[in-house]
Amino acid sequence: MANIKSAIKRIQVGKRNTLKNKIKRTEIKTAIKKFESTLSLGKADDAKELLKDVDKKLKKASAKNIIHKNAAARKVSRLTKKLNKLVK
């Protein structure tokens, strides 16, 4: 355990940031699950709206280094492919 006041504060800040990042990642996962469940029901119009929401959340998270930029792009690409498969 740290004895120096600044080190103690850095530990607290790290814990707080970890919690915030975990919340954001959970929101993204929930949004993806909603999208996929809507997609499985065959509701293409609703799925398009949810895909926009997922895309926005992923881009924000990647901008804040919560997830890697390429991981966000890969997820959006895969979800878009699924949507396009349903539409065609």
C-alpha atoms as a PDB file:
ATOM      1  CA  MET A   1       0.000   0.000   0.000  1.00  0.00           C
ATOM      2  CA  ALA A   2       1.241   3.461  -0.866  1.00  0.00           C
ATOM      3  CA  ASN A   3       2.315   5.819   1.908  1.00  0.00           C
ATOM      4  CA  ILE A   4       2.742   9.004  -0.101  1.00  0.00           C
ATOM      5  CA  LYS A   5      -0.339  11.191  -0.415  1.00  0.00           C
ATOM      6  CA  SER A   6       0.005  11.677  -4.191  1.00  0.00           C
ATOM      7  CA  ALA A   7       0.432   7.928  -4.735  1.00  0.00           C
ATOM      8  CA  ILE A   8      -2.711   7.224  -2.712  1.00  0.00           C
ATOM      9  CA  LYS A   9      -4.601   9.754  -4.825  1.00  0.00           C
ATOM     10  CA  ARG A  10      -3.338   8.192  -8.075  1.00  0.00           C
ATOM     11  CA  ILE A  11      -4.596   4.792  -6.903  1.00  0.00           C
ATOM     12  CA  GLN A  12      -8.024   6.286  -6.190  1.00  0.00           C
ATOM     13  CA  VAL A  13      -8.099   8.051  -9.572  1.00  0.00           C
ATOM     14  CA  GLY A  14      -7.142   4.810 -11.287  1.00  0.00           C
ATOM     15  CA  LYS A  15      -9.947   2.922  -9.577  1.00  0.00           C
ATOM     16  CA  ARG A  16     -12.449   5.630 -10.494  1.00  0.00           C
ATOM     17  CA  ASN A  17     -11.353   5.637 -14.139  1.00  0.00           C
ATOM     18  CA  THR A  18     -11.447   1.841 -14.289  1.00  0.00           C
ATOM     19  CA  LEU A  19     -15.033   1.903 -13.050  1.00  0.00           C
ATOM     20  CA  LYS A  20     -16.045   4.523 -15.641  1.00  0.00           C
ATOM     21  CA  ASN A  21     -14.406   2.529 -18.436  1.00  0.00           C
ATOM     22  CA  LYS A  22     -16.130  -0.652 -17.300  1.00  0.00           C
ATOM     23  CA  ILE A  23     -19.501   1.119 -17.377  1.00  0.00           C
ATOM     24  CA  LYS A  24     -18.866   2.342 -20.935  1.00  0.00           C
ATOM     25  CA  ARG A  25     -17.799  -1.124 -22.127  1.00  0.00           C
ATOM     26  CA  THR A  26     -20.936  -2.621 -20.568  1.00  0.00           C
ATOM     27  CA  GLU A  27     -23.117  -0.034 -22.337  1.00  0.00           C
ATOM     28  CA  ILE A  28     -21.502  -0.972 -25.633  1.00  0.00           C
ATOM     29  CA  LYS A  29     -22.060  -4.687 -25.057  1.00  0.00           C
ATOM     30  CA  THR A  30     -25.708  -4.064 -24.159  1.00  0.00           C
ATOM     31  CA  ALA A  31     -26.225  -1.948 -27.285  1.00  0.00           C
ATOM     32  CA  ILE A  32     -24.691  -4.687 -29.448  1.00  0.00           C
ATOM     33  CA  LYS A  33     -26.941  -7.321 -27.854  1.00  0.00           C
ATOM     34  CA  LYS A  34     -30.018  -5.158 -28.505  1.00  0.00           C
ATOM     35  CA  PHE A  35     -28.945  -4.737 -32.125  1.00  0.00           C
ATOM     36  CA  GLU A  36     -28.401  -8.462 -32.618  1.00  0.00           C
ATOM     37  CA  SER A  37     -31.702  -9.406 -30.991  1.00  0.00           C
ATOM     38  CA  THR A  38     -33.550  -6.902 -33.198  1.00  0.00           C
ATOM     39  CA  LEU A  39     -31.694  -8.287 -36.188  1.00  0.00           C
ATOM     40  CA  SER A  40     -32.700 -11.850 -35.313  1.00  0.00           C
ATOM     41  CA  LEU A  41     -36.352 -10.742 -35.224  1.00  0.00           C
ATOM     42  CA  GLY A  42     -35.950  -9.421 -38.764  1.00  0.00           C
ATOM     43  CA  LYS A  43     -36.656  -5.777 -37.995  1.00  0.00           C
ATOM     44  CA  ALA A  44     -34.245  -4.108 -40.403  1.00  0.00           C
ATOM     45  CA  ASP A  45     -35.412  -0.517 -39.856  1.00  0.00           C
ATOM     46  CA  ASP A  46     -35.067  -0.726 -36.081  1.00  0.00           C
ATOM     47  CA  ALA A  47     -31.722  -2.473 -36.479  1.00  0.00           C
ATOM     48  CA  LYS A  48     -30.419   0.411 -38.626  1.00  0.00           C
ATOM     49  CA  GLU A  49     -31.229   2.886 -35.861  1.00  0.00           C
ATOM     50  CA  LEU A  50     -29.594   0.671 -33.247  1.00  0.00           C
ATOM     51  CA  LEU A  51     -26.518   0.286 -35.448  1.00  0.00           C
ATOM     52  CA  LYS A  52     -26.142   4.074 -35.527  1.00  0.00           C
ATOM     53  CA  ASP A  53     -26.275   4.087 -31.725  1.00  0.00           C
ATOM     54  CA  VAL A  54     -23.713   1.282 -31.451  1.00  0.00           C
ATOM     55  CA  ASP A  55     -21.441   3.037 -33.947  1.00  0.00           C
ATOM     56  CA  LYS A  56     -21.616   6.289 -31.982  1.00  0.00           C
ATOM     57  CA  LYS A  57     -20.844   4.567 -28.682  1.00  0.00           C
ATOM     58  CA  LEU A  58     -17.926   2.632 -30.165  1.00  0.00           C
ATOM     59  CA  LYS A  59     -16.399   5.720 -31.765  1.00  0.00           C
ATOM     60  CA  LYS A  60     -16.673   7.701 -28.528  1.00  0.00           C
ATOM     61  CA  ALA A  61     -15.077   4.864 -26.580  1.00  0.00           C
ATOM     62  CA  SER A  62     -12.240   4.529 -29.074  1.00  0.00           C
ATOM     63  CA  ALA A  63     -11.647   8.296 -29.009  1.00  0.00           C
ATOM     64  CA  LYS A  64     -11.244   8.106 -25.238  1.00  0.00           C
ATOM     65  CA  ASN A  65      -9.006   5.000 -25.468  1.00  0.00           C
ATOM     66  CA  ILE A  66     -11.508   2.801 -23.660  1.00  0.00           C
ATOM     67  CA  ILE A  67     -11.245   0.330 -26.519  1.00  0.00           C
ATOM     68  CA  HIS A  68      -8.770   0.243 -29.382  1.00  0.00           C
ATOM     69  CA  LYS A  69      -9.616   2.151 -32.547  1.00  0.00           C
ATOM     70  CA  ASN A  70      -9.237  -0.906 -34.775  1.00  0.00           C
ATOM     71  CA  ALA A  71     -11.374  -3.046 -32.455  1.00  0.00           C
ATOM     72  CA  ALA A  72     -14.177  -0.488 -32.703  1.00  0.00           C
ATOM     73  CA  ALA A  73     -13.893  -0.371 -36.490  1.00  0.00           C
ATOM     74  CA  ARG A  74     -13.893  -4.176 -36.676  1.00  0.00           C
ATOM     75  CA  LYS A  75     -17.024  -4.460 -34.540  1.00  0.00           C
ATOM     76  CA  VAL A  76     -18.904  -1.848 -36.573  1.00  0.00           C
ATOM     77  CA  SER A  77     -17.856  -3.562 -39.790  1.00  0.00           C
ATOM     78  CA  ARG A  78     -19.050  -6.976 -38.633  1.00  0.00           C
ATOM     79  CA  LEU A  79     -22.373  -5.620 -37.399  1.00  0.00           C
ATOM     80  CA  THR A  80     -22.890  -3.738 -40.673  1.00  0.00           C
ATOM     81  CA  LYS A  81     -22.229  -6.940 -42.620  1.00  0.00           C
ATOM     82  CA  LYS A  82     -24.881  -8.735 -40.560  1.00  0.00           C
ATOM     83  CA  LEU A  83     -27.375  -5.966 -41.245  1.00  0.00           C
ATOM     84  CA  ASN A  84     -26.616  -5.957 -44.971  1.00  0.00           C
ATOM     85  CA  LYS A  85     -27.101  -9.723 -45.094  1.00  0.00           C
ATOM     86  CA  LEU A  86     -30.590  -9.307 -43.631  1.00  0.00           C
ATOM     87  CA  VAL A  87     -31.544  -6.465 -45.972  1.00  0.00           C
ATOM     88  CA  LYS A  88     -30.493  -8.326 -49.146  1.00  0.00           C
END
